[in-house]
N, C-alpha and C. Protein backbone atom coordinates (compact mmCIF):
# COMPACT_ATOMS: atom_id res chain seq x y z
N UNK A 1 94.98 180.51 124.64
CA UNK A 1 93.55 180.28 124.67
C UNK A 1 93.24 179.55 125.97
N UNK A 2 92.13 179.96 126.55
CA UNK A 2 91.69 179.32 127.78
C UNK A 2 90.84 178.12 127.45
N UNK A 3 90.66 177.19 128.38
CA UNK A 3 89.76 176.08 128.18
C UNK A 3 88.34 176.53 127.84
N UNK A 4 87.89 177.59 128.53
CA UNK A 4 86.52 178.09 128.28
C UNK A 4 86.37 178.62 126.86
N UNK A 5 87.44 179.32 126.41
CA UNK A 5 87.41 179.91 125.07
C UNK A 5 87.37 178.79 124.03
N UNK A 6 88.16 177.72 124.26
CA UNK A 6 88.15 176.61 123.30
C UNK A 6 86.81 175.95 123.27
N UNK A 7 86.20 175.74 124.50
CA UNK A 7 84.83 175.13 124.53
C UNK A 7 83.84 176.03 123.75
N UNK A 8 83.95 177.33 123.89
CA UNK A 8 83.05 178.26 123.23
C UNK A 8 83.19 178.12 121.68
N UNK A 9 84.39 178.12 121.24
CA UNK A 9 84.68 177.96 119.80
C UNK A 9 84.07 176.63 119.30
N UNK A 10 84.37 175.57 120.08
CA UNK A 10 83.90 174.25 119.64
C UNK A 10 82.37 174.21 119.65
N UNK A 11 81.71 174.75 120.64
CA UNK A 11 80.28 174.79 120.71
C UNK A 11 79.68 175.48 119.50
N UNK A 12 80.24 176.60 119.12
CA UNK A 12 79.72 177.35 117.98
C UNK A 12 79.90 176.54 116.69
N UNK A 13 81.05 175.95 116.49
CA UNK A 13 81.26 175.15 115.25
C UNK A 13 80.33 173.92 115.25
N UNK A 14 80.14 173.28 116.40
CA UNK A 14 79.32 172.13 116.51
C UNK A 14 77.83 172.49 116.11
N UNK A 15 77.37 173.62 116.65
CA UNK A 15 76.00 174.02 116.29
C UNK A 15 75.81 174.34 114.85
N UNK A 16 76.83 174.98 114.23
CA UNK A 16 76.74 175.29 112.81
C UNK A 16 76.75 174.05 111.96
N UNK A 17 77.47 172.99 112.39
CA UNK A 17 77.63 171.78 111.58
C UNK A 17 76.51 170.81 111.82
N UNK A 18 75.73 170.98 112.91
CA UNK A 18 74.66 170.07 113.24
C UNK A 18 75.17 168.69 113.66
N UNK A 19 76.38 168.61 114.16
CA UNK A 19 76.95 167.38 114.66
C UNK A 19 76.79 167.43 116.19
N UNK A 20 75.73 166.86 116.71
CA UNK A 20 75.43 167.03 118.11
C UNK A 20 76.34 166.13 119.02
N UNK A 21 76.89 165.06 118.50
CA UNK A 21 77.60 164.19 119.37
C UNK A 21 79.07 164.51 119.49
N UNK A 22 79.53 165.51 118.80
CA UNK A 22 80.99 165.90 118.82
C UNK A 22 81.25 166.74 120.03
N UNK A 23 82.35 166.45 120.75
CA UNK A 23 82.80 167.35 121.81
C UNK A 23 84.34 167.14 121.98
N UNK A 24 85.01 167.97 122.67
CA UNK A 24 86.46 167.85 122.77
C UNK A 24 86.87 166.50 123.44
N UNK A 25 86.09 166.11 124.38
CA UNK A 25 86.39 164.79 125.08
C UNK A 25 86.34 163.60 124.12
N UNK A 26 85.36 163.66 123.22
CA UNK A 26 85.22 162.60 122.25
C UNK A 26 86.44 162.55 121.31
N UNK A 27 86.98 163.71 121.01
CA UNK A 27 88.15 163.78 120.23
C UNK A 27 89.34 163.09 120.90
N UNK A 28 89.44 163.20 122.19
CA UNK A 28 90.46 162.46 122.97
C UNK A 28 90.30 160.98 122.83
N UNK A 29 89.11 160.50 122.85
CA UNK A 29 88.85 159.07 122.72
C UNK A 29 89.21 158.64 121.27
N UNK A 30 88.84 159.45 120.29
CA UNK A 30 89.15 159.13 118.89
C UNK A 30 90.66 159.13 118.71
N UNK A 31 91.36 160.08 119.27
CA UNK A 31 92.77 160.20 119.15
C UNK A 31 93.44 158.93 119.71
N UNK A 32 93.05 158.53 120.95
CA UNK A 32 93.60 157.41 121.64
C UNK A 32 93.40 156.14 120.84
N UNK A 33 92.20 155.93 120.40
CA UNK A 33 91.81 154.76 119.61
C UNK A 33 92.57 154.70 118.26
N UNK A 34 92.59 155.79 117.56
CA UNK A 34 93.30 155.86 116.26
C UNK A 34 94.79 155.61 116.45
N UNK A 35 95.41 156.16 117.49
CA UNK A 35 96.82 155.99 117.68
C UNK A 35 97.12 154.54 118.01
N UNK A 36 96.27 153.91 118.89
CA UNK A 36 96.44 152.50 119.21
C UNK A 36 96.28 151.60 117.97
N UNK A 37 95.34 151.90 117.09
CA UNK A 37 95.13 151.14 115.89
C UNK A 37 96.38 151.25 114.98
N UNK A 38 97.05 152.33 115.04
CA UNK A 38 98.24 152.51 114.22
C UNK A 38 99.49 151.95 114.84
N UNK A 39 99.35 151.34 116.01
CA UNK A 39 100.48 150.65 116.61
C UNK A 39 101.30 151.46 117.62
N UNK A 40 100.80 152.61 118.03
CA UNK A 40 101.51 153.38 119.03
C UNK A 40 101.39 152.61 120.36
N UNK A 41 102.54 152.39 121.01
CA UNK A 41 102.57 151.65 122.21
C UNK A 41 101.98 152.44 123.35
N UNK A 42 101.46 151.69 124.33
CA UNK A 42 100.76 152.30 125.48
C UNK A 42 101.58 153.34 126.20
N UNK A 43 102.87 153.07 126.57
CA UNK A 43 103.60 154.13 127.26
C UNK A 43 103.78 155.40 126.46
N UNK A 44 103.91 155.28 125.12
CA UNK A 44 104.00 156.52 124.29
C UNK A 44 102.71 157.21 124.26
N UNK A 45 101.59 156.47 124.07
CA UNK A 45 100.30 157.11 124.07
C UNK A 45 99.93 157.77 125.40
N UNK A 46 100.36 157.12 126.45
CA UNK A 46 100.14 157.68 127.79
C UNK A 46 100.77 159.05 127.88
N UNK A 47 102.05 159.16 127.46
CA UNK A 47 102.74 160.43 127.52
C UNK A 47 102.08 161.47 126.60
N UNK A 48 101.73 161.03 125.41
CA UNK A 48 101.09 161.95 124.46
C UNK A 48 99.78 162.53 124.99
N UNK A 49 99.04 161.74 125.78
CA UNK A 49 97.72 162.17 126.31
C UNK A 49 97.92 162.85 127.66
N UNK A 50 99.10 162.87 128.21
CA UNK A 50 99.35 163.56 129.43
C UNK A 50 98.79 162.78 130.65
N UNK A 51 98.71 161.47 130.58
CA UNK A 51 98.14 160.69 131.68
C UNK A 51 99.21 160.22 132.62
N UNK A 52 98.92 160.06 133.90
CA UNK A 52 99.91 159.62 134.88
C UNK A 52 99.87 158.07 135.02
N UNK A 53 98.78 157.47 134.57
CA UNK A 53 98.70 156.03 134.71
C UNK A 53 98.26 155.40 133.40
N UNK A 54 98.77 154.18 133.08
CA UNK A 54 98.34 153.50 131.89
C UNK A 54 96.90 153.08 131.95
N UNK A 55 96.39 152.87 133.12
CA UNK A 55 94.94 152.50 133.28
C UNK A 55 94.02 153.62 132.73
N UNK A 56 94.37 154.85 133.02
CA UNK A 56 93.60 155.96 132.52
C UNK A 56 93.64 156.00 131.03
N UNK A 57 94.83 155.81 130.48
CA UNK A 57 94.99 155.86 129.00
C UNK A 57 94.09 154.74 128.38
N UNK A 58 94.04 153.59 128.96
CA UNK A 58 93.30 152.48 128.46
C UNK A 58 91.86 152.81 128.37
N UNK A 59 91.38 153.64 129.25
CA UNK A 59 89.96 154.01 129.18
C UNK A 59 89.59 154.77 127.91
N UNK A 60 90.63 155.37 127.27
CA UNK A 60 90.36 156.18 126.08
C UNK A 60 90.46 155.38 124.81
N UNK A 61 90.93 154.11 124.91
CA UNK A 61 91.12 153.26 123.74
C UNK A 61 89.89 152.33 123.62
N UNK A 62 89.15 152.48 122.57
CA UNK A 62 87.96 151.65 122.35
C UNK A 62 88.21 150.77 121.13
N UNK A 63 88.75 149.62 121.35
CA UNK A 63 89.06 148.71 120.28
C UNK A 63 87.89 147.76 120.02
N UNK A 64 87.61 147.47 118.76
CA UNK A 64 86.51 146.59 118.38
C UNK A 64 87.15 145.16 118.28
N UNK A 65 86.32 144.14 118.18
CA UNK A 65 86.80 142.80 118.02
C UNK A 65 87.59 142.67 116.71
N UNK A 66 87.14 143.36 115.69
CA UNK A 66 87.89 143.27 114.42
C UNK A 66 89.28 143.92 114.61
N UNK A 67 89.43 144.98 115.37
CA UNK A 67 90.72 145.56 115.63
C UNK A 67 91.62 144.58 116.36
N UNK A 68 91.07 143.86 117.32
CA UNK A 68 91.81 142.90 118.06
C UNK A 68 92.22 141.74 117.23
N UNK A 69 91.30 141.24 116.41
CA UNK A 69 91.60 140.10 115.50
C UNK A 69 92.68 140.47 114.50
N UNK A 70 92.58 141.69 113.96
CA UNK A 70 93.58 142.19 112.98
C UNK A 70 94.94 142.24 113.65
N UNK A 71 95.02 142.78 114.83
CA UNK A 71 96.33 142.82 115.52
C UNK A 71 96.90 141.47 115.81
N UNK A 72 96.02 140.57 116.16
CA UNK A 72 96.42 139.19 116.50
C UNK A 72 97.02 138.51 115.23
N UNK A 73 96.30 138.57 114.13
CA UNK A 73 96.71 137.94 112.97
C UNK A 73 98.01 138.48 112.34
N UNK A 74 98.14 139.81 112.55
CA UNK A 74 99.37 140.52 112.13
C UNK A 74 100.57 140.05 112.97
N UNK A 75 100.39 139.89 114.26
CA UNK A 75 101.44 139.45 115.15
C UNK A 75 101.80 137.99 114.84
N UNK A 76 100.78 137.11 114.57
CA UNK A 76 101.06 135.69 114.22
C UNK A 76 101.87 135.64 112.98
N UNK A 77 101.51 136.41 112.01
CA UNK A 77 102.23 136.48 110.70
C UNK A 77 103.73 136.90 110.95
N UNK A 78 103.91 137.90 111.79
CA UNK A 78 105.32 138.32 112.08
C UNK A 78 106.07 137.24 112.77
N UNK A 79 105.44 136.55 113.68
CA UNK A 79 106.09 135.44 114.43
C UNK A 79 106.49 134.34 113.48
N UNK A 80 105.51 134.00 112.59
CA UNK A 80 105.84 132.92 111.66
C UNK A 80 107.00 133.31 110.76
N UNK A 81 107.07 134.55 110.31
CA UNK A 81 108.19 135.02 109.47
C UNK A 81 109.52 134.84 110.22
N UNK A 82 109.48 135.22 111.52
CA UNK A 82 110.77 135.16 112.28
C UNK A 82 111.17 133.70 112.48
N UNK A 83 110.28 132.72 112.57
CA UNK A 83 110.63 131.36 112.66
C UNK A 83 111.12 130.79 111.33
N UNK A 84 110.48 131.18 110.27
CA UNK A 84 110.90 130.72 108.92
C UNK A 84 112.22 131.32 108.49
N UNK A 85 112.55 132.51 108.97
CA UNK A 85 113.82 133.15 108.60
C UNK A 85 115.02 132.38 109.14
N UNK A 86 114.79 131.63 110.22
CA UNK A 86 115.91 130.91 110.88
C UNK A 86 116.17 129.54 110.22
N UNK A 87 115.42 129.16 109.29
CA UNK A 87 115.56 127.85 108.68
C UNK A 87 116.73 127.79 107.70
């Protein structure tokens, strides 16, 4: 399938569903953000998305403050477990 053919199919489906904000590029942003939220590391995500630089991949990841806080508290919990395990 060509890129033009894919865009045509997507445009038709979007018009039928009345979802005006959906587009293939938005799916890339959603994919990047969802994968990051699930803990996929940046080098892996970079390869999955076919980017040559991590900076480009980071542009696709849109983390909220709650995402950041959740990741922080999860990391702190893991660090505390590792210190307590050595006692």
